[in-house]
Protein backbone atom coordinates (compact mmCIF):
# COMPACT_ATOMS: atom_id res chain seq x y z
CA MET A 1 -8.24 201.27 -189.60
CA MET A 2 -6.32 197.94 -189.13
CA GLY A 3 -5.31 199.15 -185.83
CA SER A 4 -8.48 199.48 -184.49
CA VAL A 5 -9.74 195.97 -184.98
CA LYS A 6 -6.35 194.89 -183.61
CA SER A 7 -7.09 196.78 -180.18
CA GLN A 8 -10.48 195.02 -180.43
CA TRP A 9 -9.30 191.56 -180.56
CA VAL A 10 -7.21 192.10 -177.75
CA PHE A 11 -9.52 193.93 -175.27
CA TRP A 12 -11.90 191.02 -176.23
CA CYS A 13 -9.23 188.31 -175.84
CA LEU A 14 -8.27 189.87 -172.45
CA LEU A 15 -11.40 190.36 -171.10
CA LYS A 16 -12.24 186.81 -172.02
CA LYS A 17 -9.22 185.95 -170.13
CA PHE A 18 -10.48 187.77 -167.18
CA THR A 19 -13.67 186.51 -166.92
CA ARG A 20 -12.35 182.99 -166.81
CA TYR A 21 -10.10 183.44 -164.39
CA SER A 22 -12.60 185.66 -161.96
CA LEU A 23 -15.10 182.83 -162.24
CA THR A 24 -12.59 180.12 -161.30
CA LEU A 25 -11.40 182.24 -158.39
CA LEU A 26 -15.24 183.14 -157.23
CA LEU A 27 -15.86 179.17 -157.55
CA SER A 28 -12.71 178.47 -155.66
CA ALA A 29 -13.36 180.46 -152.99
CA VAL A 30 -17.13 179.11 -152.85
CA MET A 31 -15.72 175.67 -152.90
CA LEU A 32 -13.51 176.14 -150.16
CA ALA A 33 -15.95 178.40 -148.00
CA ASP A 34 -18.30 175.49 -148.06
CA ALA A 35 -15.43 172.45 -147.49
CA VAL A 36 -14.20 174.49 -144.46
CA GLY A 37 -17.97 175.22 -143.10
CA ALA A 38 -18.46 171.34 -143.60
CA THR A 39 -15.71 170.29 -140.91
CA PRO A 40 -17.05 168.31 -137.89
CA ARG A 41 -16.33 170.39 -134.88
CA ASN A 42 -14.62 168.47 -131.90
CA ARG A 43 -17.74 168.24 -129.36
CA GLY A 44 -18.62 166.49 -126.19
CA LEU A 45 -21.32 163.64 -126.16
CA GLN A 46 -24.18 164.87 -123.47
CA ILE A 47 -26.50 162.44 -122.58
CA ALA A 48 -29.50 163.56 -120.81
CA GLN A 49 -30.74 161.53 -117.82
CA GLN A 50 -34.25 160.94 -116.85
CA PRO A 51 -35.66 161.78 -113.59
CA GLU A 52 -35.98 158.35 -111.39
CA THR A 53 -40.15 157.50 -110.93
CA THR A 54 -40.79 156.54 -107.45
């Protein structure tokens, strides 16, 4: 009986650690993707010219 309780305790501890690390990894990936996607790209400035009126 004690072996079963101990194995359940070990299982729950490992499950908690796995869940915490998985969520941390997922949030890190989302934040990194958001930060990389928010970097400005170097684009040349284009100014439209109006045609001259005569």
